[in-house]
Amino acid sequence: MNKGKEIRIITFCPHCGNRAPQKLVYTQAYKGRWYSVESGEETRDKEIPPSTYFIAVCETCNEILVYHDAVEDYENEGIFNSSNLLWPESGLHKSVPKIVAECYSEAERIKNLAPNAFAVQIRKALEAICDDRGAKKGVLQYRLVELVSRGEIPKILADMSEVLRVLGNLGAHATEQGIKPILVGAINDFFRAVVEYVYVAPSKLEDFRSRLNNYKKIEMGSDSEEHLKYE
């Protein structure tokens, strides 16, 4: 990186919840291991494209952010701007339905600014999960119980979901208790755990099965499809 050249982007910071300038302060280029989809063999070193980690600082809250992209041109502001945020974790996995992801996105932007509103929005996101999974309309508490009875979510996550529901109700009413900032992180972790079980884990399992079958095809050549099935 050219030390005399300052690179900044203006984007959302999950730490403070602001759309703010982020200054690039460090880059680390490297060559990872890549494998051929066709052969399953490791790609030769000269064919491996370079990748870069970007370390940035939010100029509003001074927190660190870590980005990554499979590029080497790290002095290009456009490359940094299009790289993927690795930390802190932001947004939801691509397997999560749009209606749920949008509810969570709204919650994420206000979690450090308005804890009560954040809790209410997370409650709406739970409602969105119930809608997506086809739970009968009604009180959220009973909709969650229905999902447990159908095996959509395990009992332990249902208990967590019930906590989120209660906290959402608390945040929606004008009481002296309200949602304290210290609870925000726990609420966020609980909700993401529910999403992980309902959507992300099944998606990752399906991806693993697909990769395993592709590998078997490479190993077995033209063997019958019966031998390619995941057991």
C-alpha atoms as a PDB file:
ATOM      1  CA  MET A   1       0.000   0.000   0.000  1.00  0.00           C
ATOM      2  CA  ASN A   2       1.225   3.453  -0.853  1.00  0.00           C
ATOM      3  CA  LYS A   3       1.759   5.006   2.588  1.00  0.00           C
ATOM      4  CA  GLY A   4       1.364   8.520   1.231  1.00  0.00           C
ATOM      5  CA  LYS A   5      -2.068   7.796  -0.175  1.00  0.00           C
ATOM      6  CA  GLU A   6      -5.076   7.719   2.135  1.00  0.00           C
ATOM      7  CA  ILE A   7      -7.994   5.568   1.008  1.00  0.00           C
ATOM      8  CA  ARG A   8     -11.459   6.008   2.488  1.00  0.00           C
ATOM      9  CA  ILE A   9     -14.905   4.666   1.809  1.00  0.00           C
ATOM     10  CA  ILE A  10     -18.234   5.741   3.280  1.00  0.00           C
ATOM     11  CA  THR A  11     -20.278   2.738   4.347  1.00  0.00           C
ATOM     12  CA  PHE A  12     -22.223   1.173   7.228  1.00  0.00           C
ATOM     13  CA  CYS A  13     -20.299   0.406  10.411  1.00  0.00           C
ATOM     14  CA  PRO A  14     -21.841  -2.456  12.474  1.00  0.00           C
ATOM     15  CA  HIS A  15     -20.010  -1.215  15.571  1.00  0.00           C
ATOM     16  CA  CYS A  16     -21.710   2.168  15.879  1.00  0.00           C
ATOM     17  CA  GLY A  17     -24.607   1.749  13.468  1.00  0.00           C
ATOM     18  CA  ASN A  18     -23.621   4.778  11.391  1.00  0.00           C
ATOM     19  CA  ARG A  19     -22.946   5.205   7.708  1.00  0.00           C
ATOM     20  CA  ALA A  20     -19.548   6.791   8.152  1.00  0.00           C
ATOM     21  CA  PRO A  21     -16.091   7.261   6.593  1.00  0.00           C
ATOM     22  CA  GLN A  22     -13.783   4.264   7.039  1.00  0.00           C
ATOM     23  CA  LYS A  23     -10.075   4.767   6.564  1.00  0.00           C
ATOM     24  CA  LEU A  24      -7.901   1.950   5.196  1.00  0.00           C
ATOM     25  CA  VAL A  25      -4.932   1.596   7.577  1.00  0.00           C
ATOM     26  CA  TYR A  26      -3.349  -1.747   6.648  1.00  0.00           C
ATOM     27  CA  THR A  27      -3.415  -4.404   3.926  1.00  0.00           C
ATOM     28  CA  GLN A  28      -2.046  -7.935   3.846  1.00  0.00           C
ATOM     29  CA  ALA A  29      -1.771  -9.762   0.520  1.00  0.00           C
ATOM     30  CA  TYR A  30      -1.345 -13.542   0.393  1.00  0.00           C
ATOM     31  CA  LYS A  31      -1.858 -16.615  -1.779  1.00  0.00           C
ATOM     32  CA  GLY A  32      -4.191 -19.218  -0.367  1.00  0.00           C
ATOM     33  CA  ARG A  33      -4.864 -22.785  -1.470  1.00  0.00           C
ATOM     34  CA  TRP A  34      -7.224 -23.257  -4.387  1.00  0.00           C
ATOM     35  CA  TYR A  35      -8.532 -26.544  -5.747  1.00  0.00           C
ATOM     36  CA  SER A  36      -9.776 -27.424  -9.203  1.00  0.00           C
ATOM     37  CA  VAL A  37     -13.498 -28.221  -9.397  1.00  0.00           C
ATOM     38  CA  GLU A  38     -12.831 -30.672 -12.246  1.00  0.00           C
ATOM     39  CA  SER A  39      -9.932 -32.642 -10.787  1.00  0.00           C
ATOM     40  CA  GLY A  40     -10.070 -31.907  -7.088  1.00  0.00           C
ATOM     41  CA  GLU A  41      -6.318 -31.286  -7.232  1.00  0.00           C
ATOM     42  CA  GLU A  42      -4.597 -28.270  -5.702  1.00  0.00           C
ATOM     43  CA  THR A  43      -3.977 -25.489  -8.219  1.00  0.00           C
ATOM     44  CA  ARG A  44      -0.346 -24.794  -9.043  1.00  0.00           C
ATOM     45  CA  ASP A  45       1.136 -21.776  -7.264  1.00  0.00           C
ATOM     46  CA  LYS A  46       1.526 -19.669 -10.407  1.00  0.00           C
ATOM     47  CA  GLU A  47      -2.181 -20.102 -11.178  1.00  0.00           C
ATOM     48  CA  ILE A  48      -3.417 -19.070  -7.745  1.00  0.00           C
ATOM     49  CA  PRO A  49      -4.918 -15.555  -7.786  1.00  0.00           C
ATOM     50  CA  PRO A  50      -3.737 -13.266  -4.961  1.00  0.00           C
ATOM     51  CA  SER A  51      -6.038 -12.225  -2.141  1.00  0.00           C
ATOM     52  CA  THR A  52      -5.928  -9.351   0.319  1.00  0.00           C
ATOM     53  CA  TYR A  53      -7.125  -8.560   3.823  1.00  0.00           C
ATOM     54  CA  PHE A  54      -8.050  -4.919   4.422  1.00  0.00           C
ATOM     55  CA  ILE A  55      -7.947  -3.399   7.921  1.00  0.00           C
ATOM     56  CA  ALA A  56      -9.999  -0.221   8.256  1.00  0.00           C
ATOM     57  CA  VAL A  57     -10.927   2.170  11.055  1.00  0.00           C
ATOM     58  CA  CYS A  58     -14.358   3.758  11.392  1.00  0.00           C
ATOM     59  CA  GLU A  59     -13.743   7.491  11.756  1.00  0.00           C
ATOM     60  CA  THR A  60     -16.895   7.901  13.824  1.00  0.00           C
ATOM     61  CA  CYS A  61     -16.330   5.289  16.562  1.00  0.00           C
ATOM     62  CA  ASN A  62     -12.632   4.440  15.951  1.00  0.00           C
ATOM     63  CA  GLU A  63     -13.381   0.694  15.891  1.00  0.00           C
ATOM     64  CA  ILE A  64     -11.514  -1.738  13.631  1.00  0.00           C
ATOM     65  CA  LEU A  65     -13.145  -3.522  10.671  1.00  0.00           C
ATOM     66  CA  VAL A  66     -11.683  -6.398   8.641  1.00  0.00           C
ATOM     67  CA  TYR A  67     -12.472  -6.855   4.937  1.00  0.00           C
ATOM     68  CA  HIS A  68     -11.316  -9.443   2.372  1.00  0.00           C
ATOM     69  CA  ASP A  69     -11.284  -9.888  -1.389  1.00  0.00           C
ATOM     70  CA  ALA A  70      -9.527 -12.108  -3.949  1.00  0.00           C
ATOM     71  CA  VAL A  71      -7.518  -9.229  -5.411  1.00  0.00           C
ATOM     72  CA  GLU A  72      -4.031  -7.763  -5.155  1.00  0.00           C
ATOM     73  CA  ASP A  73      -4.748  -4.196  -6.361  1.00  0.00           C
ATOM     74  CA  TYR A  74      -5.255  -2.915  -2.832  1.00  0.00           C
ATOM     75  CA  GLU A  75      -4.384   0.677  -3.715  1.00  0.00           C
ATOM     76  CA  ASN A  76      -7.564   0.904  -5.773  1.00  0.00           C
ATOM     77  CA  GLU A  77     -10.333   2.518  -3.720  1.00  0.00           C
ATOM     78  CA  GLY A  78     -12.972   0.722  -5.800  1.00  0.00           C
ATOM     79  CA  ILE A  79     -11.500  -2.676  -4.869  1.00  0.00           C
ATOM     80  CA  PHE A  80     -11.604  -1.862  -1.153  1.00  0.00           C
ATOM     81  CA  ASN A  81     -15.132  -0.529  -1.498  1.00  0.00           C
ATOM     82  CA  SER A  82     -16.377  -3.807  -3.047  1.00  0.00           C
ATOM     83  CA  SER A  83     -14.566  -6.163  -0.656  1.00  0.00           C
ATOM     84  CA  ASN A  84     -16.416  -8.391   1.810  1.00  0.00           C
ATOM     85  CA  LEU A  85     -16.732  -7.478   5.477  1.00  0.00           C
ATOM     86  CA  LEU A  86     -15.419 -10.359   7.614  1.00  0.00           C
ATOM     87  CA  TRP A  87     -15.550  -8.735  11.043  1.00  0.00           C
ATOM     88  CA  PRO A  88     -17.585  -7.642  12.840  1.00  0.00           C
ATOM     89  CA  GLU A  89     -20.252 -10.017  11.594  1.00  0.00           C
ATOM     90  CA  SER A  90     -22.976  -8.172   9.736  1.00  0.00           C
ATOM     91  CA  GLY A  91     -26.121  -9.237   7.898  1.00  0.00           C
ATOM     92  CA  LEU A  92     -27.391 -12.802   7.575  1.00  0.00           C
ATOM     93  CA  HIS A  93     -26.438 -15.809   5.459  1.00  0.00           C
ATOM     94  CA  LYS A  94     -27.689 -15.930   1.856  1.00  0.00           C
ATOM     95  CA  SER A  95     -29.962 -18.865   2.757  1.00  0.00           C
ATOM     96  CA  VAL A  96     -32.128 -16.635   4.975  1.00  0.00           C
ATOM     97  CA  PRO A  97     -35.377 -15.505   3.270  1.00  0.00           C
ATOM     98  CA  LYS A  98     -35.557 -11.875   2.200  1.00  0.00           C
ATOM     99  CA  ILE A  99     -38.405 -11.008   4.587  1.00  0.00           C
ATOM    100  CA  VAL A 100     -36.371 -12.198   7.589  1.00  0.00           C
ATOM    101  CA  ALA A 101     -33.107 -10.661   6.369  1.00  0.00           C
ATOM    102  CA  GLU A 102     -34.743  -7.266   5.816  1.00  0.00           C
ATOM    103  CA  CYS A 103     -36.233  -7.236   9.330  1.00  0.00           C
ATOM    104  CA  TYR A 104     -32.856  -8.062  10.787  1.00  0.00           C
ATOM    105  CA  SER A 105     -31.068  -5.488   8.637  1.00  0.00           C
ATOM    106  CA  GLU A 106     -33.299  -2.758  10.053  1.00  0.00           C
ATOM    107  CA  ALA A 107     -32.652  -4.027  13.578  1.00  0.00           C
ATOM    108  CA  GLU A 108     -28.913  -4.184  13.070  1.00  0.00           C
ATOM    109  CA  ARG A 109     -28.709  -0.531  12.066  1.00  0.00           C
ATOM    110  CA  ILE A 110     -30.262   0.649  15.324  1.00  0.00           C
ATOM    111  CA  LYS A 111     -29.020  -1.908  17.852  1.00  0.00           C
ATOM    112  CA  ASN A 112     -26.463   0.453  19.412  1.00  0.00           C
ATOM    113  CA  LEU A 113     -28.520   3.590  18.941  1.00  0.00           C
ATOM    114  CA  ALA A 114     -31.977   2.511  20.153  1.00  0.00           C
ATOM    115  CA  PRO A 115     -31.978  -0.740  22.190  1.00  0.00           C
ATOM    116  CA  ASN A 116     -35.755  -0.740  22.719  1.00  0.00           C
ATOM    117  CA  ALA A 117     -36.480  -0.319  19.010  1.00  0.00           C
ATOM    118  CA  PHE A 118     -33.891  -3.015  18.270  1.00  0.00           C
ATOM    119  CA  ALA A 119     -35.671  -5.517  20.524  1.00  0.00           C
ATOM    120  CA  VAL A 120     -39.020  -4.729  18.903  1.00  0.00           C
ATOM    121  CA  GLN A 121     -37.542  -5.209  15.428  1.00  0.00           C
ATOM    122  CA  ILE A 122     -36.023  -8.546  16.422  1.00  0.00           C
ATOM    123  CA  ARG A 123     -39.468  -9.612  17.609  1.00  0.00           C
ATOM    124  CA  LYS A 124     -40.787  -8.718  14.145  1.00  0.00           C
ATOM    125  CA  ALA A 125     -38.010 -10.813  12.641  1.00  0.00           C
ATOM    126  CA  LEU A 126     -39.196 -13.781  14.734  1.00  0.00           C
ATOM    127  CA  GLU A 127     -42.704 -13.201  13.363  1.00  0.00           C
ATOM    128  CA  ALA A 128     -41.197 -13.225   9.863  1.00  0.00           C
ATOM    129  CA  ILE A 129     -39.586 -16.606  10.559  1.00  0.00           C
ATOM    130  CA  CYS A 130     -42.955 -17.959  11.713  1.00  0.00           C
ATOM    131  CA  ASP A 131     -44.590 -16.626   8.527  1.00  0.00           C
ATOM    132  CA  ASP A 132     -41.902 -18.181   6.352  1.00  0.00           C
ATOM    133  CA  ARG A 133     -42.183 -21.572   8.077  1.00  0.00           C
ATOM    134  CA  GLY A 134     -45.963 -21.593   7.751  1.00  0.00           C
ATOM    135  CA  ALA A 135     -46.901 -21.310  11.447  1.00  0.00           C
ATOM    136  CA  LYS A 136     -50.560 -20.480  12.051  1.00  0.00           C
ATOM    137  CA  LYS A 137     -51.372 -16.818  12.551  1.00  0.00           C
ATOM    138  CA  GLY A 138     -51.811 -15.753  16.141  1.00  0.00           C
ATOM    139  CA  VAL A 139     -49.832 -14.962  19.269  1.00  0.00           C
ATOM    140  CA  LEU A 140     -46.085 -15.274  18.685  1.00  0.00           C
ATOM    141  CA  GLN A 141     -45.651 -17.442  21.790  1.00  0.00           C
ATOM    142  CA  TYR A 142     -47.934 -20.142  20.363  1.00  0.00           C
ATOM    143  CA  ARG A 143     -46.493 -19.832  16.875  1.00  0.00           C
ATOM    144  CA  LEU A 144     -43.067 -20.648  18.311  1.00  0.00           C
ATOM    145  CA  VAL A 145     -44.525 -23.615  20.202  1.00  0.00           C
ATOM    146  CA  GLU A 146     -45.972 -24.873  16.911  1.00  0.00           C
ATOM    147  CA  LEU A 147     -42.563 -24.724  15.242  1.00  0.00           C
ATOM    148  CA  VAL A 148     -41.099 -26.726  18.129  1.00  0.00           C
ATOM    149  CA  SER A 149     -43.818 -29.383  17.831  1.00  0.00           C
ATOM    150  CA  ARG A 150     -43.061 -29.725  14.117  1.00  0.00           C
ATOM    151  CA  GLY A 151     -39.317 -30.016  14.721  1.00  0.00           C
ATOM    152  CA  GLU A 152     -38.593 -26.733  12.936  1.00  0.00           C
ATOM    153  CA  ILE A 153     -36.634 -25.488  15.949  1.00  0.00           C
ATOM    154  CA  PRO A 154     -35.333 -27.448  18.980  1.00  0.00           C
ATOM    155  CA  LYS A 155     -36.676 -26.880  22.485  1.00  0.00           C
ATOM    156  CA  ILE A 156     -33.585 -25.029  23.686  1.00  0.00           C
ATOM    157  CA  LEU A 157     -33.809 -22.512  20.827  1.00  0.00           C
ATOM    158  CA  ALA A 158     -37.531 -22.174  21.444  1.00  0.00           C
ATOM    159  CA  ASP A 159     -36.705 -21.131  25.010  1.00  0.00           C
ATOM    160  CA  MET A 160     -34.306 -18.564  23.598  1.00  0.00           C
ATOM    161  CA  SER A 161     -36.956 -17.377  21.155  1.00  0.00           C
ATOM    162  CA  GLU A 162     -39.412 -16.959  24.019  1.00  0.00           C
ATOM    163  CA  VAL A 163     -36.870 -14.735  25.779  1.00  0.00           C
ATOM    164  CA  LEU A 164     -36.577 -12.615  22.628  1.00  0.00           C
ATOM    165  CA  ARG A 165     -40.363 -12.385  22.408  1.00  0.00           C
ATOM    166  CA  VAL A 166     -40.634 -11.148  26.000  1.00  0.00           C
ATOM    167  CA  LEU A 167     -37.807  -8.660  25.519  1.00  0.00           C
ATOM    168  CA  GLY A 168     -39.477  -7.416  22.350  1.00  0.00           C
ATOM    169  CA  ASN A 169     -42.668  -6.790  24.296  1.00  0.00           C
ATOM    170  CA  LEU A 170     -40.683  -5.013  26.995  1.00  0.00           C
ATOM    171  CA  GLY A 171     -39.052  -2.743  24.443  1.00  0.00           C
ATOM    172  CA  ALA A 172     -42.409  -1.875  22.910  1.00  0.00           C
ATOM    173  CA  HIS A 173     -43.911  -0.483  26.113  1.00  0.00           C
ATOM    174  CA  ALA A 174     -43.101   2.700  27.970  1.00  0.00           C
ATOM    175  CA  THR A 175     -41.692   1.284  31.205  1.00  0.00           C
ATOM    176  CA  GLU A 176     -38.768   2.242  33.393  1.00  0.00           C
ATOM    177  CA  GLN A 177     -37.147  -1.126  32.712  1.00  0.00           C
ATOM    178  CA  GLY A 178     -36.761  -1.005  28.945  1.00  0.00           C
ATOM    179  CA  ILE A 179     -33.902  -2.765  27.138  1.00  0.00           C
ATOM    180  CA  LYS A 180     -30.514  -1.944  28.581  1.00  0.00           C
ATOM    181  CA  PRO A 181     -27.570  -1.660  26.157  1.00  0.00           C
ATOM    182  CA  ILE A 182     -25.898  -4.594  27.883  1.00  0.00           C
ATOM    183  CA  LEU A 183     -28.715  -6.885  26.674  1.00  0.00           C
ATOM    184  CA  VAL A 184     -28.369  -5.932  23.014  1.00  0.00           C
ATOM    185  CA  GLY A 185     -25.456  -8.277  22.319  1.00  0.00           C
ATOM    186  CA  ALA A 186     -27.225 -11.211  23.972  1.00  0.00           C
ATOM    187  CA  ILE A 187     -30.432 -10.561  22.023  1.00  0.00           C
ATOM    188  CA  ASN A 188     -28.465 -10.391  18.794  1.00  0.00           C
ATOM    189  CA  ASP A 189     -26.596 -13.649  19.523  1.00  0.00           C
ATOM    190  CA  PHE A 190     -29.814 -15.457  20.468  1.00  0.00           C
ATOM    191  CA  PHE A 191     -31.570 -14.440  17.276  1.00  0.00           C
ATOM    192  CA  ARG A 192     -28.628 -15.397  15.071  1.00  0.00           C
ATOM    193  CA  ALA A 193     -28.536 -18.814  16.776  1.00  0.00           C
ATOM    194  CA  VAL A 194     -32.181 -19.385  15.811  1.00  0.00           C
ATOM    195  CA  VAL A 195     -31.448 -18.346  12.213  1.00  0.00           C
ATOM    196  CA  GLU A 196     -28.379 -20.603  12.126  1.00  0.00           C
ATOM    197  CA  TYR A 197     -30.461 -23.662  13.059  1.00  0.00           C
ATOM    198  CA  VAL A 198     -33.493 -22.949  10.886  1.00  0.00           C
ATOM    199  CA  TYR A 199     -31.766 -21.775   7.692  1.00  0.00           C
ATOM    200  CA  VAL A 200     -27.979 -21.729   7.697  1.00  0.00           C
ATOM    201  CA  ALA A 201     -27.131 -25.218   8.962  1.00  0.00           C
ATOM    202  CA  PRO A 202     -29.468 -26.978   6.466  1.00  0.00           C
ATOM    203  CA  SER A 203     -28.041 -24.827   3.645  1.00  0.00           C
ATOM    204  CA  LYS A 204     -24.466 -25.698   4.606  1.00  0.00           C
ATOM    205  CA  LEU A 205     -25.354 -29.391   4.849  1.00  0.00           C
ATOM    206  CA  GLU A 206     -26.829 -29.310   1.361  1.00  0.00           C
ATOM    207  CA  ASP A 207     -23.717 -27.557   0.071  1.00  0.00           C
ATOM    208  CA  PHE A 208     -21.534 -30.204   1.714  1.00  0.00           C
ATOM    209  CA  ARG A 209     -23.551 -33.012   0.135  1.00  0.00           C
ATOM    210  CA  SER A 210     -23.242 -31.367  -3.279  1.00  0.00           C
ATOM    211  CA  ARG A 211     -19.463 -31.036  -2.916  1.00  0.00           C
ATOM    212  CA  LEU A 212     -19.156 -34.603  -1.673  1.00  0.00           C
ATOM    213  CA  ASN A 213     -21.127 -35.934  -4.632  1.00  0.00           C
ATOM    214  CA  ASN A 214     -18.992 -33.918  -7.054  1.00  0.00           C
ATOM    215  CA  TYR A 215     -15.874 -35.359  -5.454  1.00  0.00           C
ATOM    216  CA  LYS A 216     -17.274 -38.889  -5.736  1.00  0.00           C
ATOM    217  CA  LYS A 217     -17.991 -38.310  -9.405  1.00  0.00           C
ATOM    218  CA  ILE A 218     -14.370 -37.293  -9.914  1.00  0.00           C
ATOM    219  CA  GLU A 219     -13.116 -40.355  -8.049  1.00  0.00           C
ATOM    220  CA  MET A 220     -15.527 -42.893  -9.584  1.00  0.00           C
ATOM    221  CA  GLY A 221     -15.721 -41.561 -13.106  1.00  0.00           C
ATOM    222  CA  SER A 222     -18.754 -43.015 -14.882  1.00  0.00           C
ATOM    223  CA  ASP A 223     -20.006 -45.215 -12.014  1.00  0.00           C
ATOM    224  CA  SER A 224     -23.752 -45.379 -11.507  1.00  0.00           C
ATOM    225  CA  GLU A 225     -25.657 -42.543  -9.844  1.00  0.00           C
ATOM    226  CA  GLU A 226     -26.643 -44.977  -7.085  1.00  0.00           C
ATOM    227  CA  HIS A 227     -23.060 -45.012  -5.840  1.00  0.00           C
ATOM    228  CA  LEU A 228     -22.934 -41.223  -5.892  1.00  0.00           C
ATOM    229  CA  LYS A 229     -25.725 -40.723  -3.408  1.00  0.00           C
ATOM    230  CA  TYR A 230     -24.862 -39.350  -0.020  1.00  0.00           C
ATOM    231  CA  GLU A 231     -25.444 -41.997   2.629  1.00  0.00           C
END
